[in-house]
Amino acid sequence: MSSQETILQIMPATGWVAVYDEAGEETAEALVCFALVDGGRAVRPMRADGNKIAFADAVANFLRVEELAEFEEDEEEEEDEEEEEDDEV
């Protein structure tokens, strides 16, 4: 967080994840909260990072924020497609 950013408000992020690109595969990490940040009035996702909370979108391989249920649904669809491709071979 830069010295110009001030967190004005924190809202729970239950059921939301940050999606990251890990060597071409998408992985998800649970969000702790969303922070309303002054200096542009942006809402930014935050995740647990060891003993502290950090902005999830500050990580280089960050892709997006998504509802956990939607992410899991997308993962299941990809697995089904892979199984269908394996069956065809």
N, C-alpha and C. Protein backbone atom coordinates (compact mmCIF):
# COMPACT_ATOMS: atom_id res chain seq x y z
N MET A 1 0.85 -1.17 0.00
CA MET A 1 0.00 0.00 0.00
C MET A 1 0.90 1.23 0.00
N SER A 2 0.66 2.14 -0.91
CA SER A 2 1.49 3.34 -0.96
C SER A 2 1.12 4.27 0.19
N SER A 3 1.98 5.25 0.47
CA SER A 3 1.73 6.18 1.56
C SER A 3 0.52 7.07 1.28
N GLN A 4 0.07 7.14 0.03
CA GLN A 4 -1.06 7.98 -0.32
C GLN A 4 -2.40 7.27 -0.16
N GLU A 5 -2.37 5.96 0.06
CA GLU A 5 -3.61 5.21 0.20
C GLU A 5 -4.00 5.09 1.67
N THR A 6 -5.25 5.35 1.94
CA THR A 6 -5.79 5.19 3.28
C THR A 6 -7.04 4.33 3.17
N ILE A 7 -7.11 3.31 3.99
CA ILE A 7 -8.31 2.46 4.00
C ILE A 7 -9.40 3.21 4.76
N LEU A 8 -10.51 3.44 4.08
CA LEU A 8 -11.63 4.18 4.67
C LEU A 8 -12.65 3.25 5.31
N GLN A 9 -12.81 2.08 4.72
CA GLN A 9 -13.81 1.14 5.21
C GLN A 9 -13.43 -0.27 4.78
N ILE A 10 -13.76 -1.24 5.61
CA ILE A 10 -13.53 -2.65 5.28
C ILE A 10 -14.86 -3.38 5.31
N MET A 11 -15.08 -4.21 4.28
CA MET A 11 -16.31 -4.99 4.18
C MET A 11 -15.94 -6.47 4.06
N PRO A 12 -16.68 -7.37 4.70
CA PRO A 12 -16.36 -8.80 4.61
C PRO A 12 -16.40 -9.29 3.16
N ALA A 13 -15.60 -10.30 2.87
CA ALA A 13 -15.54 -10.86 1.52
C ALA A 13 -15.89 -12.35 1.55
N THR A 14 -16.82 -12.72 2.39
CA THR A 14 -17.22 -14.12 2.52
C THR A 14 -17.71 -14.64 1.18
N GLY A 15 -17.14 -15.78 0.76
CA GLY A 15 -17.56 -16.40 -0.50
C GLY A 15 -16.86 -15.87 -1.73
N TRP A 16 -15.85 -15.02 -1.56
CA TRP A 16 -15.11 -14.45 -2.69
C TRP A 16 -13.67 -14.92 -2.66
N VAL A 17 -13.07 -15.07 -3.84
CA VAL A 17 -11.68 -15.50 -3.95
C VAL A 17 -10.92 -14.60 -4.92
N ALA A 18 -9.61 -14.56 -4.72
CA ALA A 18 -8.71 -13.93 -5.69
C ALA A 18 -8.20 -15.06 -6.57
N VAL A 19 -8.23 -14.86 -7.88
CA VAL A 19 -7.77 -15.87 -8.82
C VAL A 19 -6.40 -15.46 -9.34
N TYR A 20 -5.46 -16.43 -9.29
CA TYR A 20 -4.08 -16.20 -9.70
C TYR A 20 -3.70 -17.17 -10.81
N ASP A 21 -2.72 -16.77 -11.62
CA ASP A 21 -2.16 -17.64 -12.65
C ASP A 21 -0.91 -18.29 -12.08
N GLU A 22 -0.97 -19.60 -11.88
CA GLU A 22 0.17 -20.37 -11.37
C GLU A 22 0.64 -21.30 -12.48
N ALA A 23 1.64 -20.88 -13.24
CA ALA A 23 2.21 -21.68 -14.33
C ALA A 23 1.14 -22.13 -15.32
N GLY A 24 0.27 -21.22 -15.70
CA GLY A 24 -0.75 -21.52 -16.69
C GLY A 24 -2.03 -22.10 -16.12
N GLU A 25 -2.05 -22.43 -14.85
CA GLU A 25 -3.24 -22.95 -14.18
C GLU A 25 -3.81 -21.86 -13.28
N GLU A 26 -5.13 -21.76 -13.23
CA GLU A 26 -5.76 -20.79 -12.34
C GLU A 26 -5.95 -21.41 -10.96
N THR A 27 -5.52 -20.68 -9.94
CA THR A 27 -5.71 -21.09 -8.57
C THR A 27 -6.47 -19.99 -7.84
N ALA A 28 -7.15 -20.36 -6.77
CA ALA A 28 -7.94 -19.38 -6.02
C ALA A 28 -7.50 -19.35 -4.57
N GLU A 29 -7.55 -18.18 -4.00
CA GLU A 29 -7.24 -17.99 -2.59
C GLU A 29 -8.36 -17.16 -1.97
N ALA A 30 -8.87 -17.60 -0.83
CA ALA A 30 -9.98 -16.92 -0.18
C ALA A 30 -9.61 -15.49 0.18
N LEU A 31 -10.56 -14.59 -0.02
CA LEU A 31 -10.38 -13.20 0.39
C LEU A 31 -10.87 -13.04 1.82
N VAL A 32 -10.24 -12.14 2.53
CA VAL A 32 -10.63 -11.82 3.90
C VAL A 32 -11.66 -10.70 3.89
N CYS A 33 -11.37 -9.67 3.08
CA CYS A 33 -12.26 -8.51 3.04
C CYS A 33 -12.01 -7.70 1.77
N PHE A 34 -12.89 -6.74 1.55
CA PHE A 34 -12.70 -5.73 0.53
C PHE A 34 -12.44 -4.42 1.27
N ALA A 35 -11.52 -3.61 0.76
CA ALA A 35 -11.19 -2.34 1.40
C ALA A 35 -11.52 -1.19 0.46
N LEU A 36 -12.28 -0.24 0.96
CA LEU A 36 -12.52 1.00 0.24
C LEU A 36 -11.32 1.88 0.53
N VAL A 37 -10.57 2.22 -0.53
CA VAL A 37 -9.30 2.92 -0.39
C VAL A 37 -9.42 4.33 -0.94
N ASP A 38 -8.99 5.30 -0.13
CA ASP A 38 -8.96 6.68 -0.57
C ASP A 38 -7.84 6.84 -1.60
N GLY A 39 -7.87 7.89 -2.36
CA GLY A 39 -6.86 8.08 -3.41
C GLY A 39 -7.36 7.45 -4.69
N GLY A 40 -8.56 7.76 -5.08
CA GLY A 40 -9.17 7.17 -6.25
C GLY A 40 -10.47 6.46 -5.88
N ARG A 41 -10.72 6.33 -4.59
CA ARG A 41 -11.94 5.70 -4.09
C ARG A 41 -12.16 4.32 -4.71
N ALA A 42 -11.12 3.52 -4.72
CA ALA A 42 -11.19 2.17 -5.28
C ALA A 42 -11.55 1.17 -4.18
N VAL A 43 -12.18 0.07 -4.59
CA VAL A 43 -12.42 -1.05 -3.70
C VAL A 43 -11.43 -2.13 -4.09
N ARG A 44 -10.60 -2.55 -3.13
CA ARG A 44 -9.54 -3.51 -3.42
C ARG A 44 -9.71 -4.76 -2.56
N PRO A 45 -9.41 -5.93 -3.15
CA PRO A 45 -9.51 -7.18 -2.41
C PRO A 45 -8.30 -7.38 -1.50
N MET A 46 -8.56 -8.00 -0.32
CA MET A 46 -7.48 -8.26 0.61
C MET A 46 -7.49 -9.73 1.02
N ARG A 47 -6.28 -10.29 1.23
CA ARG A 47 -6.13 -11.70 1.59
C ARG A 47 -5.19 -11.82 2.77
N ALA A 48 -5.28 -12.95 3.46
CA ALA A 48 -4.35 -13.22 4.55
C ALA A 48 -2.99 -13.53 3.95
N ASP A 49 -1.96 -12.95 4.53
CA ASP A 49 -0.58 -13.16 4.07
C ASP A 49 0.27 -13.37 5.31
N GLY A 50 0.30 -14.61 5.78
CA GLY A 50 1.01 -14.90 7.02
C GLY A 50 0.29 -14.26 8.18
N ASN A 51 0.99 -13.40 8.91
CA ASN A 51 0.41 -12.74 10.09
C ASN A 51 -0.25 -11.41 9.77
N LYS A 52 -0.32 -11.05 8.51
CA LYS A 52 -0.89 -9.75 8.14
C LYS A 52 -1.91 -9.92 7.02
N ILE A 53 -2.56 -8.84 6.69
CA ILE A 53 -3.52 -8.82 5.58
C ILE A 53 -2.91 -7.92 4.51
N ALA A 54 -2.93 -8.41 3.25
CA ALA A 54 -2.32 -7.66 2.15
C ALA A 54 -3.30 -7.55 0.98
N PHE A 55 -3.05 -6.60 0.13
CA PHE A 55 -3.89 -6.44 -1.06
C PHE A 55 -3.64 -7.60 -2.01
N ALA A 56 -4.69 -8.32 -2.37
CA ALA A 56 -4.58 -9.48 -3.26
C ALA A 56 -4.18 -9.05 -4.67
N ASP A 57 -4.61 -7.87 -5.09
CA ASP A 57 -4.34 -7.42 -6.46
C ASP A 57 -2.93 -6.84 -6.63
N ALA A 58 -2.14 -6.84 -5.56
CA ALA A 58 -0.76 -6.34 -5.66
C ALA A 58 0.21 -7.43 -6.08
N VAL A 59 -0.25 -8.67 -6.12
CA VAL A 59 0.60 -9.80 -6.51
C VAL A 59 0.68 -9.83 -8.04
N ALA A 60 1.87 -10.07 -8.57
CA ALA A 60 2.10 -9.99 -10.01
C ALA A 60 1.22 -10.92 -10.83
N ASN A 61 0.90 -12.11 -10.32
CA ASN A 61 0.12 -13.08 -11.10
C ASN A 61 -1.38 -13.02 -10.81
N PHE A 62 -1.84 -11.93 -10.19
CA PHE A 62 -3.26 -11.73 -9.91
C PHE A 62 -4.03 -11.58 -11.21
N LEU A 63 -5.16 -12.29 -11.32
CA LEU A 63 -6.00 -12.20 -12.52
C LEU A 63 -7.30 -11.44 -12.27
N ARG A 64 -8.03 -11.86 -11.22
CA ARG A 64 -9.35 -11.27 -11.00
C ARG A 64 -9.89 -11.70 -9.64
N VAL A 65 -11.03 -11.12 -9.29
CA VAL A 65 -11.80 -11.51 -8.12
C VAL A 65 -13.05 -12.21 -8.64
N GLU A 66 -13.43 -13.28 -7.97
CA GLU A 66 -14.58 -14.05 -8.44
C GLU A 66 -15.27 -14.69 -7.24
N GLU A 67 -16.57 -14.93 -7.36
CA GLU A 67 -17.26 -15.66 -6.31
C GLU A 67 -16.75 -17.09 -6.29
N LEU A 68 -16.56 -17.65 -5.10
CA LEU A 68 -16.03 -19.00 -4.95
C LEU A 68 -16.89 -20.01 -5.70
N ALA A 69 -18.19 -19.91 -5.59
CA ALA A 69 -19.10 -20.87 -6.26
C ALA A 69 -18.89 -20.84 -7.77
N GLU A 70 -18.71 -19.66 -8.33
CA GLU A 70 -18.50 -19.53 -9.78
C GLU A 70 -17.15 -20.13 -10.18
N PHE A 71 -16.12 -19.89 -9.38
CA PHE A 71 -14.80 -20.44 -9.67
C PHE A 71 -14.85 -21.97 -9.63
N GLU A 72 -15.49 -22.52 -8.61
CA GLU A 72 -15.59 -23.98 -8.49
C GLU A 72 -16.39 -24.57 -9.65
N GLU A 73 -17.43 -23.87 -10.08
CA GLU A 73 -18.24 -24.33 -11.21
C GLU A 73 -17.40 -24.36 -12.49
N ASP A 74 -16.60 -23.32 -12.70
CA ASP A 74 -15.73 -23.27 -13.88
C ASP A 74 -14.71 -24.41 -13.84
N GLU A 75 -14.17 -24.70 -12.66
CA GLU A 75 -13.21 -25.78 -12.50
C GLU A 75 -13.85 -27.13 -12.84
N GLU A 76 -15.09 -27.35 -12.38
CA GLU A 76 -15.79 -28.60 -12.66
C GLU A 76 -16.05 -28.75 -14.16
N GLU A 77 -16.42 -27.67 -14.83
CA GLU A 77 -16.66 -27.71 -16.27
C GLU A 77 -15.38 -28.07 -17.02
N GLU A 78 -14.26 -27.50 -16.60
CA GLU A 78 -12.98 -27.81 -17.25
C GLU A 78 -12.63 -29.28 -17.05
N GLU A 79 -12.86 -29.81 -15.85
CA GLU A 79 -12.57 -31.22 -15.59
C GLU A 79 -13.45 -32.12 -16.45
N ASP A 80 -14.73 -31.77 -16.59
CA ASP A 80 -15.65 -32.55 -17.42
C ASP A 80 -15.20 -32.55 -18.87
N GLU A 81 -14.75 -31.39 -19.36
CA GLU A 81 -14.28 -31.29 -20.74
C GLU A 81 -13.04 -32.15 -20.95
N GLU A 82 -12.13 -32.14 -19.96
CA GLU A 82 -10.92 -32.96 -20.06
C GLU A 82 -11.26 -34.45 -20.07
N GLU A 83 -12.23 -34.84 -19.26
CA GLU A 83 -12.65 -36.25 -19.23
C GLU A 83 -13.26 -36.66 -20.57
N GLU A 84 -14.05 -35.78 -21.16
CA GLU A 84 -14.66 -36.06 -22.47
C GLU A 84 -13.59 -36.22 -23.53
N GLU A 85 -12.56 -35.37 -23.49
CA GLU A 85 -11.48 -35.45 -24.46
C GLU A 85 -10.72 -36.77 -24.28
N ASP A 86 -10.50 -37.18 -23.03
CA ASP A 86 -9.81 -38.44 -22.75
C ASP A 86 -10.63 -39.63 -23.26
N ASP A 87 -11.95 -39.56 -23.12
CA ASP A 87 -12.83 -40.63 -23.58
C ASP A 87 -12.81 -40.77 -25.10
N GLU A 88 -12.62 -39.64 -25.80
CA GLU A 88 -12.62 -39.66 -27.25
C GLU A 88 -11.33 -40.25 -27.80
N VAL A 89 -10.27 -40.22 -27.05
CA VAL A 89 -8.97 -40.70 -27.52
C VAL A 89 -8.87 -42.18 -27.43
